[in-house]
Amino acid sequence: MSRRGWLLFMAMGLIWGVPYLLIKVSVGVLSPVSLVFLRTGLGALLLLPLAGARGQLRPLLRHWPAVLVFTAAEVAVPWLLLASAEQRLDSSLSGLLIAAVPLFGALLAWASGTERPGGMRLTGLLVGLVGVAALVGLDVHGGDLRALVEMAGVVIGYAVGPYVLARYLSDVPGAVVTAVSLGLTALVYLPVAVFQLPRHWPSARVTGAVVVLAVLCTAAAFLLFVALIAEVGPVRATVVTYVNPAVAVALGVLLLDEPFTLGIGLGFALVLAGSVLATRRAPRPDPVPEPEPVSAG
């Protein structure tokens, strides 16, 4: 990975480890629909004028099917499911379950024929799935089954989004795709959100969480993520979720007094190891040496 790739990777790992804490703080007051609406609406207000000023909106029209799929997979559906799941799950556990995204990204790449599985990658996939099972078995209780299903939807969506962006929208500026996706999501949830917004303005703590979530973790982070995909590819871009869970756990334990359990420690280690193996580049075969030229005399 290039130096630029590493810088983008580290920035994304830190920035996208924060939303789980902010979502947990917000859903105590706001409904999931209201939170997604505010998050995407504020993000769109920041990015759409920029895309419009650059004349990038009109060329996107010919890509509207892919834009709709990306919007649903990366933003509209998973963000609603994540907010709903965090009404019942700790922010740290939610962040850890997201660590399974590279596993599903690898499966998608293999299923689409863009990459071929090898023995090491298949081993990594199995190890990662065991890690997810450890997280679920040791830290998710029977009453959390709905939240578990919602988190599975989030993981699948986060794996599909980068694939769609890289395969069908690679010739479109990432900023405009992000801006339009946020705007479309806000419009979809607007009719419901207006009836679910609280009658009184939330506390400064909740308001600050929403603003940071929209500005830093949405508008700025998406621009960085698009740059990361362009730099390292869609499968390895999802590897940013190696770092996200560690940040999410640290913030949850330190700021929300969430427990650090055996399931978290064991599950994260297995998912991390499995994801590293499942997304490794296959070694390039050694070049065959050309025969030495035979001299005529």
Protein backbone atom coordinates (compact mmCIF):
# COMPACT_ATOMS: atom_id res chain seq x y z
CA MET A 1 0.00 0.00 0.00
CA SER A 2 1.26 3.48 -0.86
CA ARG A 3 2.00 6.17 1.72
CA ARG A 4 -1.17 7.99 0.65
CA GLY A 5 -3.12 4.76 1.05
CA TRP A 6 -1.82 4.26 4.58
CA LEU A 7 -2.67 7.84 5.56
CA LEU A 8 -6.21 7.47 4.22
CA PHE A 9 -6.53 4.10 5.91
CA MET A 10 -5.49 5.39 9.33
CA ALA A 11 -7.71 8.46 9.07
CA MET A 12 -10.73 6.35 8.11
CA GLY A 13 -10.04 3.84 10.86
CA LEU A 14 -10.17 6.57 13.49
CA ILE A 15 -13.06 8.59 12.03
CA TRP A 16 -15.31 5.58 11.41
CA GLY A 17 -14.64 4.18 14.85
CA VAL A 18 -16.44 7.18 16.38
CA PRO A 19 -20.01 6.89 14.92
CA TYR A 20 -21.01 3.96 17.13
CA LEU A 21 -20.55 6.08 20.24
CA LEU A 22 -22.37 9.04 18.69
CA ILE A 23 -25.24 6.87 17.47
CA LYS A 24 -25.62 5.32 20.92
CA VAL A 25 -25.83 8.78 22.48
CA SER A 26 -28.32 9.99 19.87
CA VAL A 27 -30.80 7.09 19.80
CA GLY A 28 -31.54 7.63 23.47
CA VAL A 29 -33.49 10.72 22.37
CA LEU A 30 -34.00 10.49 18.61
CA SER A 31 -35.73 7.74 16.65
CA PRO A 32 -33.57 5.83 14.13
CA VAL A 33 -35.40 7.46 11.21
CA SER A 34 -34.94 10.95 12.65
CA LEU A 35 -31.26 10.34 13.29
CA VAL A 36 -30.59 9.09 9.76
CA PHE A 37 -32.54 12.01 8.31
CA LEU A 38 -30.56 14.59 10.30
CA ARG A 39 -27.26 12.87 9.58
CA THR A 40 -27.81 12.60 5.82
CA GLY A 41 -29.60 15.94 5.50
CA LEU A 42 -26.77 17.90 7.10
CA GLY A 43 -24.20 15.95 5.10
CA ALA A 44 -26.06 16.65 1.85
CA LEU A 45 -26.27 20.37 2.64
CA LEU A 46 -22.48 20.42 2.88
CA LEU A 47 -21.68 18.35 -0.22
CA LEU A 48 -24.43 19.04 -2.77
CA PRO A 49 -23.55 22.74 -3.28
CA LEU A 50 -19.94 21.73 -3.86
CA ALA A 51 -20.92 19.12 -6.47
CA GLY A 52 -23.34 21.53 -8.14
CA ALA A 53 -20.76 24.33 -8.36
CA ARG A 54 -18.42 21.94 -10.15
CA GLY A 55 -21.10 20.93 -12.66
CA GLN A 56 -20.91 17.28 -11.61
CA LEU A 57 -24.60 16.55 -10.97
CA ARG A 58 -25.92 16.32 -14.53
CA PRO A 59 -23.39 13.70 -15.76
CA LEU A 60 -24.48 11.46 -12.87
CA LEU A 61 -27.97 11.06 -14.36
CA ARG A 62 -26.86 8.37 -16.80
CA HIS A 63 -25.65 6.30 -13.85
CA TRP A 64 -28.87 6.56 -11.84
CA PRO A 65 -29.48 2.76 -11.43
CA ALA A 66 -26.03 2.26 -9.88
CA VAL A 67 -26.45 5.38 -7.74
CA LEU A 68 -29.73 4.05 -6.35
CA VAL A 69 -28.16 0.67 -5.55
CA PHE A 70 -25.17 2.32 -3.88
CA THR A 71 -27.43 4.64 -1.89
CA ALA A 72 -29.53 1.76 -0.61
CA ALA A 73 -26.59 -0.53 0.15
CA GLU A 74 -24.16 1.95 1.70
CA VAL A 75 -26.38 4.58 3.32
CA ALA A 76 -30.18 4.35 3.43
CA VAL A 77 -30.64 0.77 4.64
CA PRO A 78 -27.56 0.08 6.82
CA TRP A 79 -27.67 3.39 8.68
CA LEU A 80 -31.28 2.83 9.67
CA LEU A 81 -30.56 -0.76 10.72
CA LEU A 82 -27.48 0.31 12.70
CA ALA A 83 -29.36 3.03 14.59
CA SER A 84 -32.16 0.59 15.39
CA ALA A 85 -29.74 -2.12 16.54
CA GLU A 86 -27.90 0.27 18.86
CA GLN A 87 -31.12 0.87 20.77
CA ARG A 88 -30.48 -2.62 22.21
CA LEU A 89 -26.77 -3.34 21.67
CA ASP A 90 -23.73 -1.66 23.21
CA SER A 91 -21.85 0.63 20.83
CA SER A 92 -18.69 -1.43 21.30
CA LEU A 93 -20.39 -4.69 20.31
CA SER A 94 -21.99 -3.03 17.28
CA GLY A 95 -18.58 -1.78 16.17
CA LEU A 96 -17.08 -5.23 16.59
CA LEU A 97 -19.76 -6.92 14.50
CA ILE A 98 -18.93 -4.49 11.68
CA ALA A 99 -15.48 -6.11 11.61
CA ALA A 100 -17.07 -8.89 9.55
CA VAL A 101 -17.43 -6.55 6.54
CA PRO A 102 -14.13 -7.61 4.87
CA LEU A 103 -15.25 -11.24 5.06
CA PHE A 104 -18.42 -10.50 3.12
CA GLY A 105 -16.44 -8.25 0.78
CA ALA A 106 -14.13 -11.16 0.00
CA LEU A 107 -17.11 -13.45 -0.59
CA LEU A 108 -18.63 -10.91 -2.96
CA ALA A 109 -15.37 -10.55 -4.88
CA TRP A 110 -15.10 -14.32 -5.28
CA ALA A 111 -18.75 -14.72 -6.26
CA SER A 112 -18.44 -12.00 -8.91
CA GLY A 113 -15.27 -13.54 -10.32
CA THR A 114 -13.07 -10.52 -9.63
CA GLU A 115 -10.84 -12.56 -7.31
CA ARG A 116 -10.25 -16.28 -6.96
CA PRO A 117 -10.13 -17.88 -3.50
CA GLY A 118 -7.08 -19.73 -2.31
CA GLY A 119 -6.45 -22.01 0.64
CA MET A 120 -5.20 -19.20 2.89
CA ARG A 121 -8.19 -16.99 2.11
CA LEU A 122 -10.68 -19.78 2.69
CA THR A 123 -9.00 -20.45 6.03
CA GLY A 124 -9.29 -16.78 6.89
CA LEU A 125 -12.97 -16.81 6.01
CA LEU A 126 -13.62 -19.75 8.34
CA VAL A 127 -11.60 -18.20 11.17
CA GLY A 128 -13.47 -14.93 10.79
CA LEU A 129 -16.85 -16.62 10.84
CA VAL A 130 -15.84 -18.45 14.04
CA GLY A 131 -14.98 -15.05 15.50
CA VAL A 132 -18.41 -13.67 14.59
CA ALA A 133 -19.96 -16.75 16.16
CA ALA A 134 -17.95 -16.11 19.34
CA LEU A 135 -19.18 -12.52 19.49
CA VAL A 136 -22.75 -13.59 18.95
CA GLY A 137 -22.68 -16.59 21.26
CA LEU A 138 -20.97 -14.90 24.20
CA ASP A 139 -22.31 -11.35 24.03
CA VAL A 140 -25.67 -11.36 22.25
CA HIS A 141 -28.62 -12.61 24.28
CA GLY A 142 -31.86 -14.10 23.05
CA GLY A 143 -33.72 -10.82 23.28
CA ASP A 144 -31.20 -9.24 20.92
CA LEU A 145 -32.03 -11.49 17.95
CA ARG A 146 -33.67 -8.64 16.03
CA ALA A 147 -30.64 -6.43 16.59
CA LEU A 148 -28.38 -9.26 15.39
CA VAL A 149 -30.36 -9.59 12.16
CA GLU A 150 -30.17 -5.82 11.69
CA MET A 151 -26.39 -5.87 12.13
CA ALA A 152 -26.13 -8.65 9.54
CA GLY A 153 -27.93 -6.34 7.11
CA VAL A 154 -25.48 -3.56 7.94
CA VAL A 155 -22.48 -5.80 7.27
CA ILE A 156 -23.84 -6.98 3.92
CA GLY A 157 -24.68 -3.44 2.84
CA TYR A 158 -21.23 -2.13 3.79
CA ALA A 159 -19.65 -4.89 1.69
CA VAL A 160 -21.87 -4.28 -1.37
CA GLY A 161 -21.48 -0.48 -1.41
CA PRO A 162 -17.74 -0.28 -2.22
CA TYR A 163 -18.15 -3.02 -4.82
CA VAL A 164 -20.87 -1.06 -6.65
CA LEU A 165 -18.87 2.16 -6.41
CA ALA A 166 -15.71 0.60 -7.85
CA ARG A 167 -17.38 -1.46 -10.58
CA TYR A 168 -20.14 0.80 -11.86
CA LEU A 169 -19.28 4.33 -10.71
CA SER A 170 -15.51 4.45 -11.05
CA ASP A 171 -15.67 7.14 -13.75
CA VAL A 172 -17.82 9.46 -11.61
CA PRO A 173 -16.31 11.80 -8.99
CA GLY A 174 -16.78 10.26 -5.56
CA ALA A 175 -17.87 13.53 -4.00
CA VAL A 176 -20.93 13.81 -6.22
CA VAL A 177 -21.95 10.17 -5.65
CA THR A 178 -21.72 10.72 -1.91
CA ALA A 179 -23.62 14.02 -2.03
CA VAL A 180 -26.47 12.60 -4.12
CA SER A 181 -26.69 9.46 -1.97
CA LEU A 182 -27.01 11.51 1.18
CA GLY A 183 -29.60 13.79 -0.42
CA LEU A 184 -31.69 10.88 -1.71
CA THR A 185 -31.64 9.19 1.69
CA ALA A 186 -32.72 12.40 3.43
CA LEU A 187 -35.63 12.80 1.00
CA VAL A 188 -36.75 9.21 1.50
CA TYR A 189 -36.86 9.55 5.29
CA LEU A 190 -38.20 13.12 5.41
CA PRO A 191 -41.95 12.21 5.44
CA VAL A 192 -41.51 9.97 8.47
CA ALA A 193 -38.83 11.99 10.25
CA VAL A 194 -40.94 15.16 10.48
CA PHE A 195 -43.43 13.29 12.65
CA GLN A 196 -40.80 11.60 14.81
CA LEU A 197 -38.54 14.55 15.61
CA PRO A 198 -38.70 15.52 19.31
CA ARG A 199 -40.96 18.42 20.24
CA HIS A 200 -38.15 20.11 22.16
CA TRP A 201 -34.63 20.58 20.89
CA PRO A 202 -32.32 17.86 22.30
CA SER A 203 -29.60 18.59 24.83
CA ALA A 204 -26.24 20.00 23.80
CA ARG A 205 -24.75 16.52 24.19
CA VAL A 206 -27.15 14.96 21.67
CA THR A 207 -27.00 17.96 19.32
CA GLY A 208 -23.21 17.84 19.33
CA ALA A 209 -23.26 14.10 18.64
CA VAL A 210 -25.53 14.59 15.61
CA VAL A 211 -23.45 17.47 14.22
CA VAL A 212 -20.16 15.57 14.55
CA LEU A 213 -21.80 12.48 13.09
CA ALA A 214 -23.01 14.45 10.04
CA VAL A 215 -20.00 16.67 9.40
CA LEU A 216 -16.97 14.56 10.36
CA CYS A 217 -18.23 10.97 10.25
CA THR A 218 -20.43 11.41 7.17
CA ALA A 219 -19.51 14.26 4.80
CA ALA A 220 -15.75 14.32 5.42
CA ALA A 221 -15.44 10.57 5.98
CA PHE A 222 -17.19 9.62 2.76
CA LEU A 223 -14.84 11.82 0.74
CA LEU A 224 -11.89 10.09 2.39
CA PHE A 225 -13.44 6.65 1.85
CA VAL A 226 -13.98 7.27 -1.87
CA ALA A 227 -10.34 8.32 -2.13
CA LEU A 228 -9.32 5.16 -0.26
CA ILE A 229 -11.31 2.94 -2.65
CA ALA A 230 -9.64 4.63 -5.63
CA GLU A 231 -6.24 4.09 -4.01
CA VAL A 232 -6.43 0.47 -2.81
CA GLY A 233 -9.57 -1.06 -4.39
CA PRO A 234 -13.01 -1.95 -2.97
CA VAL A 235 -12.09 -5.16 -1.13
CA ARG A 236 -9.09 -3.75 0.70
CA ALA A 237 -10.89 -0.50 1.40
CA THR A 238 -13.28 -2.45 3.64
CA VAL A 239 -10.24 -3.58 5.65
CA VAL A 240 -10.52 -0.20 7.36
CA THR A 241 -12.91 -2.08 9.63
CA TYR A 242 -9.84 -3.71 11.20
CA VAL A 243 -9.28 -0.46 13.09
CA ASN A 244 -12.86 0.74 13.58
CA PRO A 245 -13.80 -1.90 16.19
CA ALA A 246 -10.81 -1.13 18.39
CA VAL A 247 -11.72 2.56 18.40
CA ALA A 248 -15.39 1.75 19.02
CA VAL A 249 -14.57 -0.53 21.96
CA ALA A 250 -12.17 1.96 23.52
CA LEU A 251 -14.71 4.79 23.31
CA GLY A 252 -17.56 2.63 24.58
CA VAL A 253 -15.60 1.34 27.56
CA LEU A 254 -14.02 4.69 28.49
CA LEU A 255 -16.94 7.07 27.86
CA LEU A 256 -20.08 4.94 28.23
CA ASP A 257 -18.85 2.44 30.85
CA GLU A 258 -19.64 -0.48 28.54
CA PRO A 259 -18.13 -3.82 29.63
CA PHE A 260 -15.10 -5.42 28.01
CA THR A 261 -16.08 -9.09 27.95
CA LEU A 262 -14.50 -12.40 27.00
CA GLY A 263 -16.65 -12.54 23.88
CA ILE A 264 -15.38 -9.13 22.75
CA GLY A 265 -11.73 -10.04 23.26
CA LEU A 266 -11.91 -13.51 21.70
CA GLY A 267 -14.31 -12.60 18.90
CA PHE A 268 -12.38 -9.51 17.83
CA ALA A 269 -9.08 -11.39 17.71
CA LEU A 270 -10.58 -14.14 15.52
CA VAL A 271 -12.45 -11.77 13.21
CA LEU A 272 -9.35 -9.62 12.81
CA ALA A 273 -7.14 -12.60 12.01
CA GLY A 274 -9.70 -14.05 9.62
CA SER A 275 -10.20 -10.75 7.79
CA VAL A 276 -6.46 -10.28 7.35
CA LEU A 277 -6.12 -13.75 5.82
CA ALA A 278 -9.28 -13.49 3.72
CA THR A 279 -8.22 -10.23 2.07
CA ARG A 280 -4.52 -10.96 1.55
CA ARG A 281 -3.13 -10.50 -1.90
CA ALA A 282 -2.13 -13.75 -3.53
CA PRO A 283 1.66 -13.95 -3.95
CA ARG A 284 2.78 -13.22 -7.45
CA PRO A 285 4.55 -16.09 -9.15
CA ASP A 286 8.25 -15.63 -9.74
CA PRO A 287 8.96 -14.58 -13.31
CA VAL A 288 10.33 -17.27 -15.58
CA PRO A 289 13.89 -16.30 -16.52
CA GLU A 290 14.46 -15.77 -20.19
CA PRO A 291 17.11 -18.00 -21.80
CA GLU A 292 20.52 -16.49 -22.22
CA PRO A 293 21.22 -15.52 -25.82
CA VAL A 294 23.60 -17.83 -27.62
CA SER A 295 26.50 -16.07 -29.24
CA ALA A 296 27.19 -16.77 -32.90
CA GLY A 297 30.95 -17.14 -32.58
